[in-house]
Amino acid sequence: MIKPDSEDDRYTNERRQNDRKKLIVDVQFEGGDATGIANTRDIGSGGFYMTTTADLSTGMPLVAVLTLAGREMRLNGVVAYTDPGHGVGVRFKDIRDEDLRFLESELDLGS
């Protein structure tokens, strides 16, 4: 069992405060020595969960490329928590304002 650290706790609290939508889209990702294609399970203004068996560790920075409503977005993130063999939670890092507004608008999330 993975024991959450304080960063994970902050992410969990953030996740509860931000609406998320179940949404499955392809994600191309690069993080550490891992690259691959995964699928989101849900996404919100604070981050997303992606299903993958890649060996990604908590705190690892990654870059994710996904297309939503015909718009390709290149998003920086950090692995906030892991569920080995199933997937990872990714928290957005330094998301551009226009990407955040687009996500909130497309997902009908509101700020």
PDB file of N, CA and C in Angstrom:
ATOM      1  N   MET A   1       0.841  -1.182   0.000  1.00  0.00           N
ATOM      2  CA  MET A   1       0.000   0.000   0.000  1.00  0.00           C
ATOM      3  C   MET A   1       0.884   1.242   0.000  1.00  0.00           C
ATOM      4  N   ILE A   2       0.512   2.206  -0.792  1.00  0.00           N
ATOM      5  CA  ILE A   2       1.276   3.441  -0.887  1.00  0.00           C
ATOM      6  C   ILE A   2       0.804   4.381   0.200  1.00  0.00           C
ATOM      7  N   LYS A   3       1.741   4.866   0.968  1.00  0.00           N
ATOM      8  CA  LYS A   3       1.407   5.807   2.034  1.00  0.00           C
ATOM      9  C   LYS A   3       1.489   7.219   1.472  1.00  0.00           C
ATOM     10  N   PRO A   4       0.387   7.971   1.537  1.00  0.00           N
ATOM     11  CA  PRO A   4       0.429   9.319   0.977  1.00  0.00           C
ATOM     12  C   PRO A   4       1.351  10.229   1.767  1.00  0.00           C
ATOM     13  N   ASP A   5       2.059  11.084   1.046  1.00  0.00           N
ATOM     14  CA  ASP A   5       2.859  12.092   1.721  1.00  0.00           C
ATOM     15  C   ASP A   5       2.064  13.391   1.728  1.00  0.00           C
ATOM     16  N   SER A   6       2.646  14.450   2.246  1.00  0.00           N
ATOM     17  CA  SER A   6       1.894  15.694   2.386  1.00  0.00           C
ATOM     18  C   SER A   6       1.461  16.243   1.033  1.00  0.00           C
ATOM     19  N   GLU A   7       2.263  16.036  -0.025  1.00  0.00           N
ATOM     20  CA  GLU A   7       1.883  16.501  -1.350  1.00  0.00           C
ATOM     21  C   GLU A   7       0.643  15.756  -1.822  1.00  0.00           C
ATOM     22  N   ASP A   8       0.590  14.440  -1.569  1.00  0.00           N
ATOM     23  CA  ASP A   8      -0.581  13.661  -1.935  1.00  0.00           C
ATOM     24  C   ASP A   8      -1.801  14.156  -1.186  1.00  0.00           C
ATOM     25  N   ASP A   9      -1.628  14.480   0.096  1.00  0.00           N
ATOM     26  CA  ASP A   9      -2.741  14.973   0.895  1.00  0.00           C
ATOM     27  C   ASP A   9      -3.283  16.268   0.303  1.00  0.00           C
ATOM     28  N   ARG A  10      -2.383  17.164  -0.115  1.00  0.00           N
ATOM     29  CA  ARG A  10      -2.835  18.417  -0.723  1.00  0.00           C
ATOM     30  C   ARG A  10      -3.590  18.123  -2.005  1.00  0.00           C
ATOM     31  N   TYR A  11      -3.110  17.162  -2.805  1.00  0.00           N
ATOM     32  CA  TYR A  11      -3.781  16.834  -4.054  1.00  0.00           C
ATOM     33  C   TYR A  11      -5.165  16.266  -3.776  1.00  0.00           C
ATOM     34  N   THR A  12      -5.265  15.375  -2.799  1.00  0.00           N
ATOM     35  CA  THR A  12      -6.553  14.785  -2.463  1.00  0.00           C
ATOM     36  C   THR A  12      -7.528  15.876  -2.052  1.00  0.00           C
ATOM     37  N   ASN A  13      -7.075  16.827  -1.230  1.00  0.00           N
ATOM     38  CA  ASN A  13      -7.943  17.917  -0.825  1.00  0.00           C
ATOM     39  C   ASN A  13      -8.338  18.771  -2.025  1.00  0.00           C
ATOM     40  N   GLU A  14      -7.364  19.052  -2.912  1.00  0.00           N
ATOM     41  CA  GLU A  14      -7.655  19.837  -4.102  1.00  0.00           C
ATOM     42  C   GLU A  14      -8.657  19.095  -4.970  1.00  0.00           C
ATOM     43  N   ARG A  15      -8.465  17.806  -5.110  1.00  0.00           N
ATOM     44  CA  ARG A  15      -9.330  17.000  -5.959  1.00  0.00           C
ATOM     45  C   ARG A  15     -10.767  17.074  -5.462  1.00  0.00           C
ATOM     46  N   ARG A  16     -10.951  17.070  -4.178  1.00  0.00           N
ATOM     47  CA  ARG A  16     -12.298  17.136  -3.618  1.00  0.00           C
ATOM     48  C   ARG A  16     -12.922  18.502  -3.842  1.00  0.00           C
ATOM     49  N   GLN A  17     -12.108  19.540  -3.967  1.00  0.00           N
ATOM     50  CA  GLN A  17     -12.626  20.892  -4.137  1.00  0.00           C
ATOM     51  C   GLN A  17     -12.926  21.218  -5.598  1.00  0.00           C
ATOM     52  N   ASN A  18     -12.318  20.503  -6.535  1.00  0.00           N
ATOM     53  CA  ASN A  18     -12.526  20.757  -7.950  1.00  0.00           C
ATOM     54  C   ASN A  18     -13.426  19.691  -8.545  1.00  0.00           C
ATOM     55  N   ASP A  19     -14.413  20.149  -9.312  1.00  0.00           N
ATOM     56  CA  ASP A  19     -15.280  19.204  -9.999  1.00  0.00           C
ATOM     57  C   ASP A  19     -14.473  18.426 -11.022  1.00  0.00           C
ATOM     58  N   ARG A  20     -14.853  17.177 -11.202  1.00  0.00           N
ATOM     59  CA  ARG A  20     -14.212  16.340 -12.203  1.00  0.00           C
ATOM     60  C   ARG A  20     -15.313  15.667 -12.999  1.00  0.00           C
ATOM     61  N   LYS A  21     -15.008  15.393 -14.248  1.00  0.00           N
ATOM     62  CA  LYS A  21     -15.957  14.720 -15.116  1.00  0.00           C
ATOM     63  C   LYS A  21     -15.347  13.416 -15.592  1.00  0.00           C
ATOM     64  N   LYS A  22     -16.170  12.396 -15.639  1.00  0.00           N
ATOM     65  CA  LYS A  22     -15.722  11.152 -16.259  1.00  0.00           C
ATOM     66  C   LYS A  22     -15.564  11.430 -17.736  1.00  0.00           C
ATOM     67  N   LEU A  23     -14.379  11.196 -18.237  1.00  0.00           N
ATOM     68  CA  LEU A  23     -14.090  11.472 -19.639  1.00  0.00           C
ATOM     69  C   LEU A  23     -12.926  10.598 -20.071  1.00  0.00           C
ATOM     70  N   ILE A  24     -13.123   9.876 -21.143  1.00  0.00           N
ATOM     71  CA  ILE A  24     -12.067   9.011 -21.654  1.00  0.00           C
ATOM     72  C   ILE A  24     -11.544   9.594 -22.958  1.00  0.00           C
ATOM     73  N   VAL A  25     -10.300  10.052 -22.920  1.00  0.00           N
ATOM     74  CA  VAL A  25      -9.598  10.519 -24.113  1.00  0.00           C
ATOM     75  C   VAL A  25      -8.179   9.960 -24.068  1.00  0.00           C
ATOM     76  N   ASP A  26      -7.598   9.795 -25.254  1.00  0.00           N
ATOM     77  CA  ASP A  26      -6.212   9.322 -25.330  1.00  0.00           C
ATOM     78  C   ASP A  26      -5.265  10.388 -24.807  1.00  0.00           C
ATOM     79  N   VAL A  27      -4.222   9.931 -24.123  1.00  0.00           N
ATOM     80  CA  VAL A  27      -3.181  10.816 -23.606  1.00  0.00           C
ATOM     81  C   VAL A  27      -1.834  10.243 -24.011  1.00  0.00           C
ATOM     82  N   GLN A  28      -1.019  11.040 -24.652  1.00  0.00           N
ATOM     83  CA  GLN A  28       0.378  10.672 -24.882  1.00  0.00           C
ATOM     84  C   GLN A  28       1.151  11.326 -23.758  1.00  0.00           C
ATOM     85  N   PHE A  29       2.014  10.544 -23.104  1.00  0.00           N
ATOM     86  CA  PHE A  29       2.728  11.123 -21.966  1.00  0.00           C
ATOM     87  C   PHE A  29       4.200  10.779 -22.004  1.00  0.00           C
ATOM     88  N   GLU A  30       4.975  11.655 -21.390  1.00  0.00           N
ATOM     89  CA  GLU A  30       6.408  11.467 -21.177  1.00  0.00           C
ATOM     90  C   GLU A  30       6.697  11.852 -19.744  1.00  0.00           C
ATOM     91  N   GLY A  31       7.352  10.952 -19.008  1.00  0.00           N
ATOM     92  CA  GLY A  31       7.716  11.244 -17.634  1.00  0.00           C
ATOM     93  C   GLY A  31       8.844  10.331 -17.204  1.00  0.00           C
ATOM     94  N   GLY A  32       9.942  10.912 -16.743  1.00  0.00           N
ATOM     95  CA  GLY A  32      11.097  10.101 -16.367  1.00  0.00           C
ATOM     96  C   GLY A  32      11.564   9.295 -17.571  1.00  0.00           C
ATOM     97  N   ASP A  33      11.711   7.987 -17.372  1.00  0.00           N
ATOM     98  CA  ASP A  33      12.114   7.108 -18.467  1.00  0.00           C
ATOM     99  C   ASP A  33      10.913   6.518 -19.185  1.00  0.00           C
ATOM    100  N   ALA A  34       9.709   6.885 -18.776  1.00  0.00           N
ATOM    101  CA  ALA A  34       8.503   6.292 -19.351  1.00  0.00           C
ATOM    102  C   ALA A  34       7.867   7.217 -20.381  1.00  0.00           C
ATOM    103  N   THR A  35       7.464   6.626 -21.470  1.00  0.00           N
ATOM    104  CA  THR A  35       6.638   7.309 -22.460  1.00  0.00           C
ATOM    105  C   THR A  35       5.552   6.337 -22.857  1.00  0.00           C
ATOM    106  N   GLY A  36       4.429   6.850 -23.284  1.00  0.00           N
ATOM    107  CA  GLY A  36       3.381   5.938 -23.689  1.00  0.00           C
ATOM    108  C   GLY A  36       2.099   6.638 -24.039  1.00  0.00           C
ATOM    109  N   ILE A  37       1.108   5.808 -24.287  1.00  0.00           N
ATOM    110  CA  ILE A  37      -0.241   6.276 -24.559  1.00  0.00           C
ATOM    111  C   ILE A  37      -1.138   5.648 -23.511  1.00  0.00           C
ATOM    112  N   ALA A  38      -1.978   6.468 -22.926  1.00  0.00           N
ATOM    113  CA  ALA A  38      -2.898   6.005 -21.897  1.00  0.00           C
ATOM    114  C   ALA A  38      -4.267   6.604 -22.202  1.00  0.00           C
ATOM    115  N   ASN A  39      -5.203   6.385 -21.296  1.00  0.00           N
ATOM    116  CA  ASN A  39      -6.527   6.984 -21.393  1.00  0.00           C
ATOM    117  C   ASN A  39      -6.833   7.691 -20.088  1.00  0.00           C
ATOM    118  N   THR A  40      -7.492   8.830 -20.194  1.00  0.00           N
ATOM    119  CA  THR A  40      -7.979   9.455 -18.979  1.00  0.00           C
ATOM    120  C   THR A  40      -9.187   8.659 -18.498  1.00  0.00           C
ATOM    121  N   ARG A  41      -9.440   8.717 -17.217  1.00  0.00           N
ATOM    122  CA  ARG A  41     -10.669   8.154 -16.661  1.00  0.00           C
ATOM    123  C   ARG A  41     -11.582   9.292 -16.241  1.00  0.00           C
ATOM    124  N   ASP A  42     -10.967  10.332 -15.706  1.00  0.00           N
ATOM    125  CA  ASP A  42     -11.696  11.556 -15.381  1.00  0.00           C
ATOM    126  C   ASP A  42     -10.722  12.718 -15.466  1.00  0.00           C
ATOM    127  N   ILE A  43     -11.299  13.897 -15.616  1.00  0.00           N
ATOM    128  CA  ILE A  43     -10.471  15.096 -15.773  1.00  0.00           C
ATOM    129  C   ILE A  43     -11.205  16.279 -15.152  1.00  0.00           C
ATOM    130  N   GLY A  44     -10.431  17.200 -14.620  1.00  0.00           N
ATOM    131  CA  GLY A  44     -10.994  18.410 -14.029  1.00  0.00           C
ATOM    132  C   GLY A  44     -10.017  19.555 -14.185  1.00  0.00           C
ATOM    133  N   SER A  45     -10.324  20.664 -13.563  1.00  0.00           N
ATOM    134  CA  SER A  45      -9.469  21.842 -13.703  1.00  0.00           C
ATOM    135  C   SER A  45      -8.160  21.703 -12.927  1.00  0.00           C
ATOM    136  N   GLY A  46      -8.080  20.736 -12.005  1.00  0.00           N
ATOM    137  CA  GLY A  46      -6.862  20.553 -11.226  1.00  0.00           C
ATOM    138  C   GLY A  46      -5.967  19.441 -11.733  1.00  0.00           C
ATOM    139  N   GLY A  47      -6.509  18.552 -12.572  1.00  0.00           N
ATOM    140  CA  GLY A  47      -5.717  17.439 -13.077  1.00  0.00           C
ATOM    141  C   GLY A  47      -6.593  16.334 -13.622  1.00  0.00           C
ATOM    142  N   PHE A  48      -6.004  15.139 -13.753  1.00  0.00           N
ATOM    143  CA  PHE A  48      -6.745  14.018 -14.301  1.00  0.00           C
ATOM    144  C   PHE A  48      -6.179  12.709 -13.781  1.00  0.00           C
ATOM    145  N   TYR A  49      -6.943  11.656 -13.968  1.00  0.00           N
ATOM    146  CA  TYR A  49      -6.485  10.307 -13.662  1.00  0.00           C
ATOM    147  C   TYR A  49      -6.325   9.614 -14.998  1.00  0.00           C
ATOM    148  N   MET A  50      -5.203   8.914 -15.178  1.00  0.00           N
ATOM    149  CA  MET A  50      -5.023   8.156 -16.412  1.00  0.00           C
ATOM    150  C   MET A  50      -4.706   6.708 -16.087  1.00  0.00           C
ATOM    151  N   THR A  51      -5.285   5.830 -16.871  1.00  0.00           N
ATOM    152  CA  THR A  51      -5.032   4.406 -16.711  1.00  0.00           C
ATOM    153  C   THR A  51      -3.759   4.052 -17.464  1.00  0.00           C
ATOM    154  N   THR A  52      -2.824   3.449 -16.763  1.00  0.00           N
ATOM    155  CA  THR A  52      -1.556   3.030 -17.351  1.00  0.00           C
ATOM    156  C   THR A  52      -0.872   2.041 -16.425  1.00  0.00           C
ATOM    157  N   THR A  53      -0.098   1.168 -17.016  1.00  0.00           N
ATOM    158  CA  THR A  53       0.714   0.250 -16.221  1.00  0.00           C
ATOM    159  C   THR A  53       2.165   0.726 -16.166  1.00  0.00           C
ATOM    160  N   ALA A  54       2.434   1.891 -16.756  1.00  0.00           N
ATOM    161  CA  ALA A  54       3.797   2.446 -16.747  1.00  0.00           C
ATOM    162  C   ALA A  54       4.249   2.683 -15.309  1.00  0.00           C
ATOM    163  N   ASP A  55       5.544   2.533 -15.091  1.00  0.00           N
ATOM    164  CA  ASP A  55       6.137   2.715 -13.772  1.00  0.00           C
ATOM    165  C   ASP A  55       6.431   4.196 -13.550  1.00  0.00           C
ATOM    166  N   LEU A  56       5.439   4.918 -13.038  1.00  0.00           N
ATOM    167  CA  LEU A  56       5.574   6.341 -12.752  1.00  0.00           C
ATOM    168  C   LEU A  56       5.499   6.509 -11.241  1.00  0.00           C
ATOM    169  N   SER A  57       6.367   7.336 -10.687  1.00  0.00           N
ATOM    170  CA  SER A  57       6.394   7.486  -9.233  1.00  0.00           C
ATOM    171  C   SER A  57       5.855   8.849  -8.808  1.00  0.00           C
ATOM    172  N   THR A  58       5.357   8.888  -7.590  1.00  0.00           N
ATOM    173  CA  THR A  58       4.819  10.112  -7.020  1.00  0.00           C
ATOM    174  C   THR A  58       5.873  11.212  -7.049  1.00  0.00           C
ATOM    175  N   GLY A  59       5.448  12.389  -7.490  1.00  0.00           N
ATOM    176  CA  GLY A  59       6.344  13.539  -7.571  1.00  0.00           C
ATOM    177  C   GLY A  59       7.039  13.681  -8.915  1.00  0.00           C
ATOM    178  N   MET A  60       6.912  12.675  -9.774  1.00  0.00           N
ATOM    179  CA  MET A  60       7.576  12.710 -11.078  1.00  0.00           C
ATOM    180  C   MET A  60       6.879  13.714 -11.997  1.00  0.00           C
ATOM    181  N   PRO A  61       7.653  14.647 -12.574  1.00  0.00           N
ATOM    182  CA  PRO A  61       7.048  15.551 -13.549  1.00  0.00           C
ATOM    183  C   PRO A  61       6.760  14.798 -14.843  1.00  0.00           C
ATOM    184  N   LEU A  62       5.712  15.204 -15.518  1.00  0.00           N
ATOM    185  CA  LEU A  62       5.435  14.614 -16.823  1.00  0.00           C
ATOM    186  C   LEU A  62       4.765  15.631 -17.720  1.00  0.00           C
ATOM    187  N   VAL A  63       4.801  15.331 -19.009  1.00  0.00           N
ATOM    188  CA  VAL A  63       4.131  16.145 -20.012  1.00  0.00           C
ATOM    189  C   VAL A  63       3.082  15.252 -20.649  1.00  0.00           C
ATOM    190  N   ALA A  64       1.863  15.768 -20.732  1.00  0.00           N
ATOM    191  CA  ALA A  64       0.762  15.012 -21.322  1.00  0.00           C
ATOM    192  C   ALA A  64       0.204  15.794 -22.504  1.00  0.00           C
ATOM    193  N   VAL A  65      -0.046  15.086 -23.588  1.00  0.00           N
ATOM    194  CA  VAL A  65      -0.668  15.698 -24.758  1.00  0.00           C
ATOM    195  C   VAL A  65      -2.002  14.999 -24.953  1.00  0.00           C
ATOM    196  N   LEU A  66      -3.069  15.796 -24.947  1.00  0.00           N
ATOM    197  CA  LEU A  66      -4.398  15.223 -25.166  1.00  0.00           C
ATOM    198  C   LEU A  66      -5.199  16.149 -26.052  1.00  0.00           C
ATOM    199  N   THR A  67      -6.188  15.577 -26.719  1.00  0.00           N
ATOM    200  CA  THR A  67      -7.048  16.355 -27.592  1.00  0.00           C
ATOM    201  C   THR A  67      -8.452  16.319 -27.032  1.00  0.00           C
ATOM    202  N   LEU A  68      -9.006  17.493 -26.832  1.00  0.00           N
ATOM    203  CA  LEU A  68     -10.352  17.628 -26.297  1.00  0.00           C
ATOM    204  C   LEU A  68     -11.123  18.576 -27.197  1.00  0.00           C
ATOM    205  N   ALA A  69     -12.253  18.117 -27.709  1.00  0.00           N
ATOM    206  CA  ALA A  69     -13.096  18.923 -28.601  1.00  0.00           C
ATOM    207  C   ALA A  69     -12.290  19.495 -29.770  1.00  0.00           C
ATOM    208  N   GLY A  70     -11.402  18.676 -30.325  1.00  0.00           N
ATOM    209  CA  GLY A  70     -10.615  19.081 -31.473  1.00  0.00           C
ATOM    210  C   GLY A  70      -9.415  19.957 -31.165  1.00  0.00           C
ATOM    211  N   ARG A  71      -9.190  20.259 -29.910  1.00  0.00           N
ATOM    212  CA  ARG A  71      -8.059  21.118 -29.525  1.00  0.00           C
ATOM    213  C   ARG A  71      -6.991  20.268 -28.839  1.00  0.00           C
ATOM    214  N   GLU A  72      -5.780  20.265 -29.412  1.00  0.00           N
ATOM    215  CA  GLU A  72      -4.668  19.549 -28.802  1.00  0.00           C
ATOM    216  C   GLU A  72      -4.039  20.432 -27.730  1.00  0.00           C
ATOM    217  N   MET A  73      -3.858  19.853 -26.560  1.00  0.00           N
ATOM    218  CA  MET A  73      -3.244  20.587 -25.452  1.00  0.00           C
ATOM    219  C   MET A  73      -2.019  19.825 -24.969  1.00  0.00           C
ATOM    220  N   ARG A  74      -0.958  20.561 -24.732  1.00  0.00           N
ATOM    221  CA  ARG A  74       0.273  20.024 -24.154  1.00  0.00           C
ATOM    222  C   ARG A  74       0.326  20.563 -22.727  1.00  0.00           C
ATOM    223  N   LEU A  75       0.149  19.662 -21.757  1.00  0.00           N
ATOM    224  CA  LEU A  75      -0.006  20.076 -20.367  1.00  0.00           C
ATOM    225  C   LEU A  75       1.108  19.522 -19.504  1.00  0.00           C
ATOM    226  N   ASN A  76       1.681  20.380 -18.683  1.00  0.00           N
ATOM    227  CA  ASN A  76       2.684  19.941 -17.713  1.00  0.00           C
ATOM    228  C   ASN A  76       1.970  19.494 -16.454  1.00  0.00           C
ATOM    229  N   GLY A  77       2.502  18.447 -15.854  1.00  0.00           N
ATOM    230  CA  GLY A  77       1.895  17.961 -14.627  1.00  0.00           C
ATOM    231  C   GLY A  77       2.913  17.258 -13.761  1.00  0.00           C
ATOM    232  N   VAL A  78       2.436  16.782 -12.631  1.00  0.00           N
ATOM    233  CA  VAL A  78       3.253  16.010 -11.708  1.00  0.00           C
ATOM    234  C   VAL A  78       2.383  14.853 -11.217  1.00  0.00           C
ATOM    235  N   VAL A  79       2.992  13.691 -11.085  1.00  0.00           N
ATOM    236  CA  VAL A  79       2.255  12.533 -10.585  1.00  0.00           C
ATOM    237  C   VAL A  79       1.947  12.784  -9.114  1.00  0.00           C
ATOM    238  N   ALA A  80       0.668  12.869  -8.794  1.00  0.00           N
ATOM    239  CA  ALA A  80       0.238  13.186  -7.431  1.00  0.00           C
ATOM    240  C   ALA A  80       0.043  11.923  -6.602  1.00  0.00           C
ATOM    241  N   TYR A  81      -0.395  10.844  -7.244  1.00  0.00           N
ATOM    242  CA  TYR A  81      -0.515   9.574  -6.538  1.00  0.00           C
ATOM    243  C   TYR A  81      -0.485   8.443  -7.554  1.00  0.00           C
ATOM    244  N   THR A  82      -0.156   7.258  -7.091  1.00  0.00           N
ATOM    245  CA  THR A  82      -0.067   6.106  -7.982  1.00  0.00           C
ATOM    246  C   THR A  82      -0.941   4.974  -7.465  1.00  0.00           C
ATOM    247  N   ASP A  83      -1.437   4.212  -8.405  1.00  0.00           N
ATOM    248  CA  ASP A  83      -2.173   2.984  -8.137  1.00  0.00           C
ATOM    249  C   ASP A  83      -1.509   1.944  -9.038  1.00  0.00           C
ATOM    250  N   PRO A  84      -0.363   1.366  -8.580  1.00  0.00           N
ATOM    251  CA  PRO A  84       0.467   0.522  -9.433  1.00  0.00           C
ATOM    252  C   PRO A  84      -0.329  -0.551 -10.183  1.00  0.00           C
ATOM    253  N   GLY A  85      -0.030  -0.635 -11.476  1.00  0.00           N
ATOM    254  CA  GLY A  85      -0.701  -1.597 -12.338  1.00  0.00           C
ATOM    255  C   GLY A  85      -2.048  -1.125 -12.861  1.00  0.00           C
ATOM    256  N   HIS A  86      -2.513   0.037 -12.361  1.00  0.00           N
ATOM    257  CA  HIS A  86      -3.824   0.534 -12.778  1.00  0.00           C
ATOM    258  C   HIS A  86      -3.759   1.937 -13.372  1.00  0.00           C
ATOM    259  N   GLY A  87      -3.060   2.851 -12.694  1.00  0.00           N
ATOM    260  CA  GLY A  87      -3.007   4.210 -13.200  1.00  0.00           C
ATOM    261  C   GLY A  87      -2.392   5.176 -12.225  1.00  0.00           C
ATOM    262  N   VAL A  88      -2.450   6.455 -12.602  1.00  0.00           N
ATOM    263  CA  VAL A  88      -1.881   7.514 -11.780  1.00  0.00           C
ATOM    264  C   VAL A  88      -2.780   8.739 -11.813  1.00  0.00           C
ATOM    265  N   GLY A  89      -2.749   9.488 -10.724  1.00  0.00           N
ATOM    266  CA  GLY A  89      -3.390  10.788 -10.674  1.00  0.00           C
ATOM    267  C   GLY A  89      -2.356  11.839 -11.012  1.00  0.00           C
ATOM    268  N   VAL A  90      -2.698  12.739 -11.883  1.00  0.00           N
ATOM    269  CA  VAL A  90      -1.780  13.785 -12.334  1.00  0.00           C
ATOM    270  C   VAL A  90      -2.364  15.141 -11.963  1.00  0.00           C
ATOM    271  N   ARG A  91      -1.565  15.955 -11.307  1.00  0.00           N
ATOM    272  CA  ARG A  91      -1.957  17.320 -10.955  1.00  0.00           C
ATOM    273  C   ARG A  91      -1.308  18.251 -11.962  1.00  0.00           C
ATOM    274  N   PHE A  92      -2.099  19.150 -12.542  1.00  0.00           N
ATOM    275  CA  PHE A  92      -1.545  20.121 -13.479  1.00  0.00           C
ATOM    276  C   PHE A  92      -0.551  21.021 -12.769  1.00  0.00           C
ATOM    277  N   LYS A  93       0.479  21.387 -13.507  1.00  0.00           N
ATOM    278  CA  LYS A  93       1.501  22.295 -12.984  1.00  0.00           C
ATOM    279  C   LYS A  93       1.684  23.399 -14.012  1.00  0.00           C
ATOM    280  N   ASP A  94       1.546  24.629 -13.570  1.00  0.00           N
ATOM    281  CA  ASP A  94       1.739  25.789 -14.447  1.00  0.00           C
ATOM    282  C   ASP A  94       0.855  25.731 -15.690  1.00  0.00           C
ATOM    283  N   ILE A  95      -0.414  25.373 -15.501  1.00  0.00           N
ATOM    284  CA  ILE A  95      -1.331  25.319 -16.643  1.00  0.00           C
ATOM    285  C   ILE A  95      -1.595  26.739 -17.139  1.00  0.00           C
ATOM    286  N   ARG A  96      -1.573  26.894 -18.445  1.00  0.00           N
ATOM    287  CA  ARG A  96      -1.819  28.212 -19.033  1.00  0.00           C
ATOM    288  C   ARG A  96      -3.270  28.611 -18.805  1.00  0.00           C
ATOM    289  N   ASP A  97      -3.493  29.891 -18.593  1.00  0.00           N
ATOM    290  CA  ASP A  97      -4.844  30.388 -18.324  1.00  0.00           C
ATOM    291  C   ASP A  97      -5.823  29.996 -19.418  1.00  0.00           C
ATOM    292  N   GLU A  98      -5.405  30.101 -20.684  1.00  0.00           N
ATOM    293  CA  GLU A  98      -6.325  29.770 -21.779  1.00  0.00           C
ATOM    294  C   GLU A  98      -6.669  28.278 -21.784  1.00  0.00           C
ATOM    295  N   ASP A  99      -5.725  27.424 -21.399  1.00  0.00           N
ATOM    296  CA  ASP A  99      -6.022  25.989 -21.312  1.00  0.00           C
ATOM    297  C   ASP A  99      -6.978  25.704 -20.156  1.00  0.00           C
ATOM    298  N   LEU A 100      -6.777  26.384 -19.034  1.00  0.00           N
ATOM    299  CA  LEU A 100      -7.663  26.205 -17.891  1.00  0.00           C
ATOM    300  C   LEU A 100      -9.078  26.661 -18.228  1.00  0.00           C
ATOM    301  N   ARG A 101      -9.203  27.822 -18.847  1.00  0.00           N
ATOM    302  CA  ARG A 101     -10.536  28.321 -19.233  1.00  0.00           C
ATOM    303  C   ARG A 101     -11.197  27.369 -20.223  1.00  0.00           C
ATOM    304  N   PHE A 102     -10.419  26.852 -21.177  1.00  0.00           N
ATOM    305  CA  PHE A 102     -10.961  25.911 -22.155  1.00  0.00           C
ATOM    306  C   PHE A 102     -11.468  24.643 -21.465  1.00  0.00           C
ATOM    307  N   LEU A 103     -10.666  24.091 -20.562  1.00  0.00           N
ATOM    308  CA  LEU A 103     -11.094  22.893 -19.834  1.00  0.00           C
ATOM    309  C   LEU A 103     -12.377  23.149 -19.059  1.00  0.00           C
ATOM    310  N   GLU A 104     -12.410  24.248 -18.325  1.00  0.00           N
ATOM    311  CA  GLU A 104     -13.597  24.560 -17.526  1.00  0.00           C
ATOM    312  C   GLU A 104     -14.825  24.738 -18.411  1.00  0.00           C
ATOM    313  N   SER A 105     -14.638  25.368 -19.561  1.00  0.00           N
ATOM    314  CA  SER A 105     -15.738  25.593 -20.477  1.00  0.00           C
ATOM    315  C   SER A 105     -16.216  24.279 -21.113  1.00  0.00           C
ATOM    316  N   GLU A 106     -15.274  23.494 -21.639  1.00  0.00           N
ATOM    317  CA  GLU A 106     -15.629  22.249 -22.318  1.00  0.00           C
ATOM    318  C   GLU A 106     -16.234  21.217 -21.362  1.00  0.00           C
ATOM    319  N   LEU A 107     -15.742  21.199 -20.147  1.00  0.00           N
ATOM    320  CA  LEU A 107     -16.213  20.221 -19.174  1.00  0.00           C
ATOM    321  C   LEU A 107     -17.349  20.774 -18.328  1.00  0.00           C
ATOM    322  N   ASP A 108     -17.715  22.044 -18.590  1.00  0.00           N
ATOM    323  CA  ASP A 108     -18.794  22.702 -17.841  1.00  0.00           C
ATOM    324  C   ASP A 108     -18.521  22.638 -16.353  1.00  0.00           C
ATOM    325  N   LEU A 109     -17.295  23.057 -15.955  1.00  0.00           N
ATOM    326  CA  LEU A 109     -16.875  22.956 -14.565  1.00  0.00           C
ATOM    327  C   LEU A 109     -17.045  24.243 -13.784  1.00  0.00           C
ATOM    328  N   GLY A 110     -16.837  25.374 -14.401  1.00  0.00           N
ATOM    329  CA  GLY A 110     -16.876  26.632 -13.660  1.00  0.00           C
ATOM    330  C   GLY A 110     -15.703  26.730 -12.714  1.00  0.00           C
ATOM    331  N   SER A 111     -15.315  27.930 -12.331  1.00  0.00           N
ATOM    332  CA  SER A 111     -14.142  28.104 -11.477  1.00  0.00           C
ATOM    333  C   SER A 111     -14.499  28.009 -10.020  1.00  0.00           C
TER     334      SER A 111
END
